[in-house]
């Protein structure tokens, strides 16, 4: 198999590829976009990989451009593995349309789940107010909300949603879920299909958006969605910015429901300097950084290596992409 990957990613996993090297020809893309294989230099037209690995560190810069163009121009391409969890970017649909099998990484799930719990705890525990009292040398005992006994609605019950559910449940939360099939999951007391999301909203103290962006989910959190939410509830978005109708969210926050929003993703990224999100008192935001956990890269590397082993052995692959989640 002629496999193309980012050179820094190759260096991380090279030892684990040794048992498979007799079946591999590794085409490496350097950070400056240069393509090399067995001491030769190639361009995007002549590289002709049969498989490609789009690791997280390959996303951005000259290396990404060279890798993507080479994959798109290859007449031999049969498989692409990406570290991305979301597949709404058009490139993934283009590669699938070429006939390539697309598999994904879920190494982000634990760190994103921890992010969600940290941000909800910060809001419930009034952490910013505590620090303000400390800075002012005031001996103020602030009452706070407990997670125990709250009900969480997790919209998108894939690897990230399940990770959030596991952690929130460990704190004593009760879990409801929404996923495409509506099939039950042992982590959730109730599970509904996407079309029935609003039936669960009135009971939810915390609503977490972790769904893929597609034609069904775009702007799903609209004025009607917010009008159905519970007073005092917290909204968290770790999916995609376009899951939310942003003007409707701002209006809802001004009206008091939800009480607070934690946003890691936005319609336009990076946020413009004059965006109202920066200074809104009811919004906590981060720059699409919830996946930047210390263990994320190692987990995604391990998933790729296992899928490569399976591909070479003719076994079923992990995390095959659902065509319905592609950006079309």
Protein backbone atom coordinates (compact mmCIF):
# COMPACT_ATOMS: atom_id res chain seq x y z
CA UNK A 1 0.00 0.00 0.00
CA UNK A 2 1.27 3.44 -0.97
CA UNK A 3 0.41 5.49 2.13
CA UNK A 4 0.72 9.28 2.35
CA UNK A 5 1.04 11.05 5.69
CA UNK A 6 2.49 14.12 7.37
CA UNK A 7 6.16 13.56 8.20
CA UNK A 8 5.91 14.64 11.89
CA UNK A 9 3.03 12.18 12.35
CA UNK A 10 5.05 9.43 10.70
CA UNK A 11 7.92 10.05 13.13
CA UNK A 12 5.56 9.56 16.07
CA UNK A 13 4.30 6.16 14.89
CA UNK A 14 7.27 4.84 12.89
CA UNK A 15 8.18 2.13 15.40
CA UNK A 16 4.61 0.84 15.46
CA UNK A 17 4.64 0.57 11.67
CA UNK A 18 7.68 -1.73 11.61
CA UNK A 19 5.62 -4.98 11.62
CA UNK A 20 3.69 -3.67 8.60
CA UNK A 21 6.52 -2.12 6.60
CA UNK A 22 6.79 -5.02 4.16
CA UNK A 23 3.31 -4.08 2.95
CA UNK A 24 3.81 -0.30 3.02
CA UNK A 25 5.43 2.37 0.90
CA UNK A 26 5.33 5.56 2.94
CA UNK A 27 4.99 8.87 1.11
CA UNK A 28 5.82 11.71 3.50
CA UNK A 29 4.70 15.32 3.32
CA UNK A 30 7.05 17.73 5.04
CA UNK A 31 5.90 20.87 6.84
CA UNK A 32 6.96 23.00 3.85
CA UNK A 33 4.79 20.89 1.53
CA UNK A 34 7.64 18.90 -0.06
CA UNK A 35 6.64 15.31 -0.87
CA UNK A 36 9.26 12.56 -0.51
CA UNK A 37 9.28 8.78 -0.85
CA UNK A 38 12.27 6.45 -0.79
CA UNK A 39 14.66 9.32 -1.39
CA UNK A 40 12.71 10.73 -4.35
CA UNK A 41 10.75 13.96 -4.56
CA UNK A 42 7.23 14.03 -5.96
CA UNK A 43 4.58 16.62 -6.66
CA UNK A 44 0.86 16.41 -6.07
CA UNK A 45 0.25 14.96 -9.54
CA UNK A 46 2.82 12.18 -9.32
CA UNK A 47 2.53 11.12 -5.66
CA UNK A 48 -0.54 8.91 -6.38
CA UNK A 49 -1.21 7.53 -2.87
CA UNK A 50 -3.55 4.58 -2.35
CA UNK A 51 -4.28 5.71 1.19
CA UNK A 52 -3.86 8.86 3.23
CA UNK A 53 -3.72 9.88 6.86
CA UNK A 54 -4.85 13.41 7.66
CA UNK A 55 -3.51 13.74 11.20
CA UNK A 56 -4.45 16.76 13.31
CA UNK A 57 -0.99 18.29 12.98
CA UNK A 58 -1.29 18.15 9.20
CA UNK A 59 -4.29 20.48 9.24
CA UNK A 60 -3.08 23.94 8.28
CA UNK A 61 -0.20 25.32 6.23
CA UNK A 62 1.70 24.05 3.23
CA UNK A 63 1.72 20.44 4.46
CA UNK A 64 -2.06 20.23 4.50
CA UNK A 65 -2.37 21.74 1.03
CA UNK A 66 0.12 19.29 -0.45
CA UNK A 67 -1.52 16.32 1.26
CA UNK A 68 -5.08 17.24 0.30
CA UNK A 69 -4.24 18.06 -3.32
CA UNK A 70 -2.30 14.81 -3.67
CA UNK A 71 -5.23 12.78 -2.34
CA UNK A 72 -7.68 14.52 -4.64
CA UNK A 73 -5.46 13.99 -7.67
CA UNK A 74 -4.71 10.36 -6.97
CA UNK A 75 -6.23 7.79 -9.30
CA UNK A 76 -5.34 5.02 -6.86
CA UNK A 77 -7.00 6.29 -3.67
CA UNK A 78 -9.06 3.73 -1.72
CA UNK A 79 -8.90 4.87 1.91
CA UNK A 80 -8.45 8.06 3.93
CA UNK A 81 -8.23 8.29 7.69
CA UNK A 82 -8.80 11.64 9.36
CA UNK A 83 -8.26 12.77 12.91
CA UNK A 84 -11.26 15.08 12.53
CA UNK A 85 -14.45 14.22 14.35
CA UNK A 86 -16.64 16.59 12.34
CA UNK A 87 -16.98 15.90 8.62
CA UNK A 88 -18.87 18.95 7.41
CA UNK A 89 -15.91 20.36 5.46
CA UNK A 90 -16.48 19.70 1.71
CA UNK A 91 -13.11 17.98 1.30
CA UNK A 92 -14.37 14.81 3.01
CA UNK A 93 -17.33 14.47 0.65
CA UNK A 94 -15.02 15.03 -2.32
CA UNK A 95 -12.73 12.21 -1.20
CA UNK A 96 -15.65 9.85 -0.61
CA UNK A 97 -17.04 10.76 -4.03
CA UNK A 98 -13.72 9.60 -5.49
CA UNK A 99 -14.48 6.17 -4.10
CA UNK A 100 -12.34 6.33 -0.95
CA UNK A 101 -13.44 4.75 2.30
CA UNK A 102 -13.32 7.44 5.02
CA UNK A 103 -12.59 6.59 8.65
CA UNK A 104 -12.40 9.07 11.50
CA UNK A 105 -10.63 9.65 14.79
CA UNK A 106 -12.36 9.87 18.16
CA UNK A 107 -9.32 10.72 20.26
CA UNK A 108 -10.91 14.09 21.00
CA UNK A 109 -13.83 12.61 22.92
CA UNK A 110 -12.24 12.38 26.41
CA UNK A 111 -10.80 15.90 26.36
CA UNK A 112 -13.96 17.47 24.96
CA UNK A 113 -16.00 15.64 27.59
CA UNK A 114 -13.71 16.96 30.33
CA UNK A 115 -14.03 20.45 28.88
CA UNK A 116 -17.81 20.26 29.08
CA UNK A 117 -17.75 19.15 32.71
CA UNK A 118 -15.18 21.81 33.63
CA UNK A 119 -17.21 24.62 32.07
CA UNK A 120 -20.50 23.51 33.59
CA UNK A 121 -18.85 23.12 36.99
CA UNK A 122 -17.34 26.60 36.67
CA UNK A 123 -20.79 28.02 36.01
CA UNK A 124 -22.58 26.01 38.71
CA UNK A 125 -19.83 26.63 41.27
CA UNK A 126 -19.64 30.37 40.47
CA UNK A 127 -15.88 30.15 40.07
CA UNK A 128 -15.44 33.61 38.53
CA UNK A 129 -17.37 35.17 41.43
CA UNK A 130 -15.23 33.29 43.94
CA UNK A 131 -12.05 34.61 42.37
CA UNK A 132 -13.46 38.14 42.36
CA UNK A 133 -14.22 37.86 46.06
CA UNK A 134 -10.71 36.56 46.69
CA UNK A 135 -9.16 39.44 44.77
CA UNK A 136 -11.22 41.89 46.81
CA UNK A 137 -10.25 40.16 50.09
CA UNK A 138 -13.90 39.56 50.95
CA UNK A 139 -14.79 36.55 53.11
CA UNK A 140 -17.94 35.71 51.16
CA UNK A 141 -19.54 32.29 51.26
CA UNK A 142 -21.30 31.83 47.95
CA UNK A 143 -23.97 29.13 47.63
CA UNK A 144 -23.65 27.04 44.49
CA UNK A 145 -25.51 24.52 42.37
CA UNK A 146 -24.65 20.84 42.49
CA UNK A 147 -24.57 18.62 39.42
CA UNK A 148 -26.05 15.77 41.44
CA UNK A 149 -29.75 15.50 40.68
CA UNK A 150 -29.66 17.68 37.56
CA UNK A 151 -30.87 16.41 34.21
CA UNK A 152 -28.63 16.71 31.15
CA UNK A 153 -29.78 16.54 27.55
CA UNK A 154 -26.97 15.51 25.21
CA UNK A 155 -27.79 16.13 21.56
CA UNK A 156 -25.48 13.89 19.54
CA UNK A 157 -24.74 10.62 21.33
CA UNK A 158 -21.58 9.55 19.54
CA UNK A 159 -18.16 9.20 21.15
CA UNK A 160 -18.18 12.77 22.49
CA UNK A 161 -21.76 12.61 23.74
CA UNK A 162 -21.12 9.30 25.46
CA UNK A 163 -17.97 10.73 27.06
CA UNK A 164 -19.97 13.64 28.46
CA UNK A 165 -22.69 11.29 29.68
CA UNK A 166 -20.23 9.04 31.51
CA UNK A 167 -18.66 11.95 33.35
CA UNK A 168 -21.86 13.79 34.19
CA UNK A 169 -23.46 10.57 35.41
CA UNK A 170 -20.47 10.01 37.72
CA UNK A 171 -21.38 13.34 39.36
CA UNK A 172 -24.94 12.15 39.91
CA UNK A 173 -26.62 13.72 36.87
CA UNK A 174 -29.51 12.05 35.06
CA UNK A 175 -28.96 11.72 31.32
CA UNK A 176 -31.28 12.10 28.35
CA UNK A 177 -29.93 11.74 24.83
CA UNK A 178 -30.73 12.53 21.24
CA UNK A 179 -29.29 10.67 18.31
CA UNK A 180 -30.28 9.95 14.74
CA UNK A 181 -31.63 6.47 15.38
CA UNK A 182 -33.19 7.19 18.75
CA UNK A 183 -32.00 3.74 19.84
CA UNK A 184 -31.53 3.25 23.62
CA UNK A 185 -28.15 3.58 25.29
CA UNK A 186 -27.33 2.30 28.80
CA UNK A 187 -25.95 5.72 29.76
CA UNK A 188 -29.26 7.48 29.13
CA UNK A 189 -32.58 7.17 30.92
CA UNK A 190 -34.38 8.43 27.83
CA UNK A 191 -33.28 8.54 24.19
CA UNK A 192 -35.06 10.28 21.34
CA UNK A 193 -34.51 10.84 17.62
CA UNK A 194 -33.51 14.31 16.47
CA UNK A 195 -37.06 15.20 15.49
CA UNK A 196 -38.18 14.86 19.12
CA UNK A 197 -35.44 16.99 20.71
CA UNK A 198 -37.86 19.67 21.88
CA UNK A 199 -39.86 17.14 23.90
CA UNK A 200 -36.86 16.68 26.23
CA UNK A 201 -35.73 20.31 26.44
CA UNK A 202 -38.13 21.51 29.16
CA UNK A 203 -36.62 19.08 31.71
CA UNK A 204 -32.94 19.77 30.96
CA UNK A 205 -30.76 21.73 33.37
CA UNK A 206 -27.83 21.37 30.97
CA UNK A 207 -28.12 21.02 27.19
CA UNK A 208 -24.98 19.86 25.36
CA UNK A 209 -24.78 20.11 21.57
CA UNK A 210 -22.36 17.49 20.26
CA UNK A 211 -24.13 16.58 17.03
CA UNK A 212 -22.55 16.58 13.56
CA UNK A 213 -23.44 19.47 11.28
CA UNK A 214 -25.65 18.45 8.37
CA UNK A 215 -28.86 19.51 6.69
CA UNK A 216 -30.91 18.18 9.64
CA UNK A 217 -28.95 19.90 12.39
CA UNK A 218 -28.03 23.28 10.87
CA UNK A 219 -29.58 26.03 13.04
CA UNK A 220 -31.40 23.40 15.10
CA UNK A 221 -30.96 25.59 18.18
CA UNK A 222 -33.24 28.39 17.04
CA UNK A 223 -35.71 30.74 18.72
CA UNK A 224 -38.25 27.94 19.20
CA UNK A 225 -35.54 25.71 20.70
CA UNK A 226 -34.52 28.36 23.23
CA UNK A 227 -38.14 29.17 24.07
CA UNK A 228 -38.56 25.53 25.13
CA UNK A 229 -35.52 25.44 27.42
CA UNK A 230 -35.82 25.39 31.19
CA UNK A 231 -35.27 28.57 33.22
CA UNK A 232 -31.82 28.45 34.83
CA UNK A 233 -30.47 26.05 32.21
CA UNK A 234 -27.00 26.11 30.69
CA UNK A 235 -26.31 25.56 26.98
CA UNK A 236 -22.98 24.08 25.84
CA UNK A 237 -21.94 23.85 22.18
CA UNK A 238 -18.95 21.64 21.32
CA UNK A 239 -20.33 20.54 17.94
CA UNK A 240 -20.27 23.17 15.21
CA UNK A 241 -21.13 26.84 15.32
CA UNK A 242 -23.84 26.47 12.71
CA UNK A 243 -25.86 24.21 15.01
CA UNK A 244 -26.97 27.47 16.63
CA UNK A 245 -28.88 30.42 15.23
CA UNK A 246 -26.56 32.95 16.84
CA UNK A 247 -28.86 36.03 16.74
CA UNK A 248 -31.61 33.91 18.27
CA UNK A 249 -29.25 32.79 21.05
CA UNK A 250 -28.27 36.36 21.88
CA UNK A 251 -31.94 37.34 22.06
CA UNK A 252 -32.72 34.34 24.26
CA UNK A 253 -29.90 35.14 26.67
CA UNK A 254 -31.19 38.69 26.99
CA UNK A 255 -34.63 37.24 27.75
CA UNK A 256 -33.08 35.06 30.47
CA UNK A 257 -33.35 31.52 29.07
CA UNK A 258 -30.92 29.88 28.84
CA UNK A 259 -29.23 31.39 31.86
CA UNK A 260 -25.75 30.93 30.41
CA UNK A 261 -24.07 29.62 27.25
CA UNK A 262 -20.69 27.92 26.94
CA UNK A 263 -19.50 28.19 23.34
CA UNK A 264 -16.41 26.58 21.85
CA UNK A 265 -17.52 26.92 18.21
CA UNK A 266 -19.00 29.73 16.12
CA UNK A 267 -20.46 30.46 12.71
CA UNK A 268 -17.43 32.59 11.79
CA UNK A 269 -14.03 31.59 13.17
CA UNK A 270 -12.00 33.27 14.46
CA UNK A 271 -14.44 35.69 16.03
CA UNK A 272 -14.22 39.25 14.78
CA UNK A 273 -13.04 41.89 17.24
CA UNK A 274 -16.47 43.49 17.34
CA UNK A 275 -18.37 40.25 18.00
CA UNK A 276 -20.83 40.64 20.90
CA UNK A 277 -19.82 37.20 22.14
CA UNK A 278 -16.49 38.46 23.50
CA UNK A 279 -17.97 40.60 26.24
CA UNK A 280 -21.42 39.13 26.80
CA UNK A 281 -21.87 38.57 30.55
CA UNK A 282 -23.86 35.36 30.01
CA UNK A 283 -21.38 33.71 27.63
CA UNK A 284 -18.19 31.77 28.35
CA UNK A 285 -16.24 31.17 25.16
CA UNK A 286 -13.13 29.39 23.96
CA UNK A 287 -11.53 29.45 20.48
CA UNK A 288 -12.56 26.01 19.16
CA UNK A 289 -10.09 24.54 21.63
CA UNK A 290 -12.04 21.93 23.60
CA UNK A 291 -10.14 19.13 21.81
CA UNK A 292 -6.69 20.41 22.76
CA UNK A 293 -6.18 17.91 25.57
CA UNK A 294 -2.78 16.45 26.36
CA UNK A 295 -3.78 12.90 25.38
CA UNK A 296 -5.67 13.64 22.18
CA UNK A 297 -2.81 13.17 19.69
CA UNK A 298 -1.70 9.85 21.17
CA UNK A 299 -5.24 8.47 21.10
CA UNK A 300 -5.77 9.48 17.48
CA UNK A 301 -2.40 8.02 16.49
CA UNK A 302 -3.38 4.72 18.08
CA UNK A 303 -6.70 4.66 16.21
CA UNK A 304 -4.94 5.27 12.90
CA UNK A 305 -2.33 2.54 13.50
CA UNK A 306 -5.05 0.04 14.41
CA UNK A 307 -7.08 0.94 11.34
CA UNK A 308 -4.00 0.59 9.15
CA UNK A 309 -3.37 -2.86 10.59
CA UNK A 310 -7.00 -3.79 9.89
CA UNK A 311 -6.86 -2.42 6.37
CA UNK A 312 -3.77 -4.44 5.51
CA UNK A 313 -5.30 -7.56 7.11
CA UNK A 314 -8.61 -7.15 5.29
CA UNK A 315 -10.55 -6.68 8.54
CA UNK A 316 -13.47 -4.37 9.32
CA UNK A 317 -12.40 -0.81 10.05
CA UNK A 318 -13.08 1.30 13.12
CA UNK A 319 -15.20 4.45 12.90
CA UNK A 320 -16.30 4.39 9.26
CA UNK A 321 -17.81 7.75 8.38
CA UNK A 322 -21.58 8.01 8.01
CA UNK A 323 -22.31 9.51 4.57
CA UNK A 324 -25.14 11.54 6.14
CA UNK A 325 -22.58 13.53 8.16
CA UNK A 326 -20.58 14.70 5.14
CA UNK A 327 -20.71 18.37 4.19
CA UNK A 328 -22.88 18.40 1.09
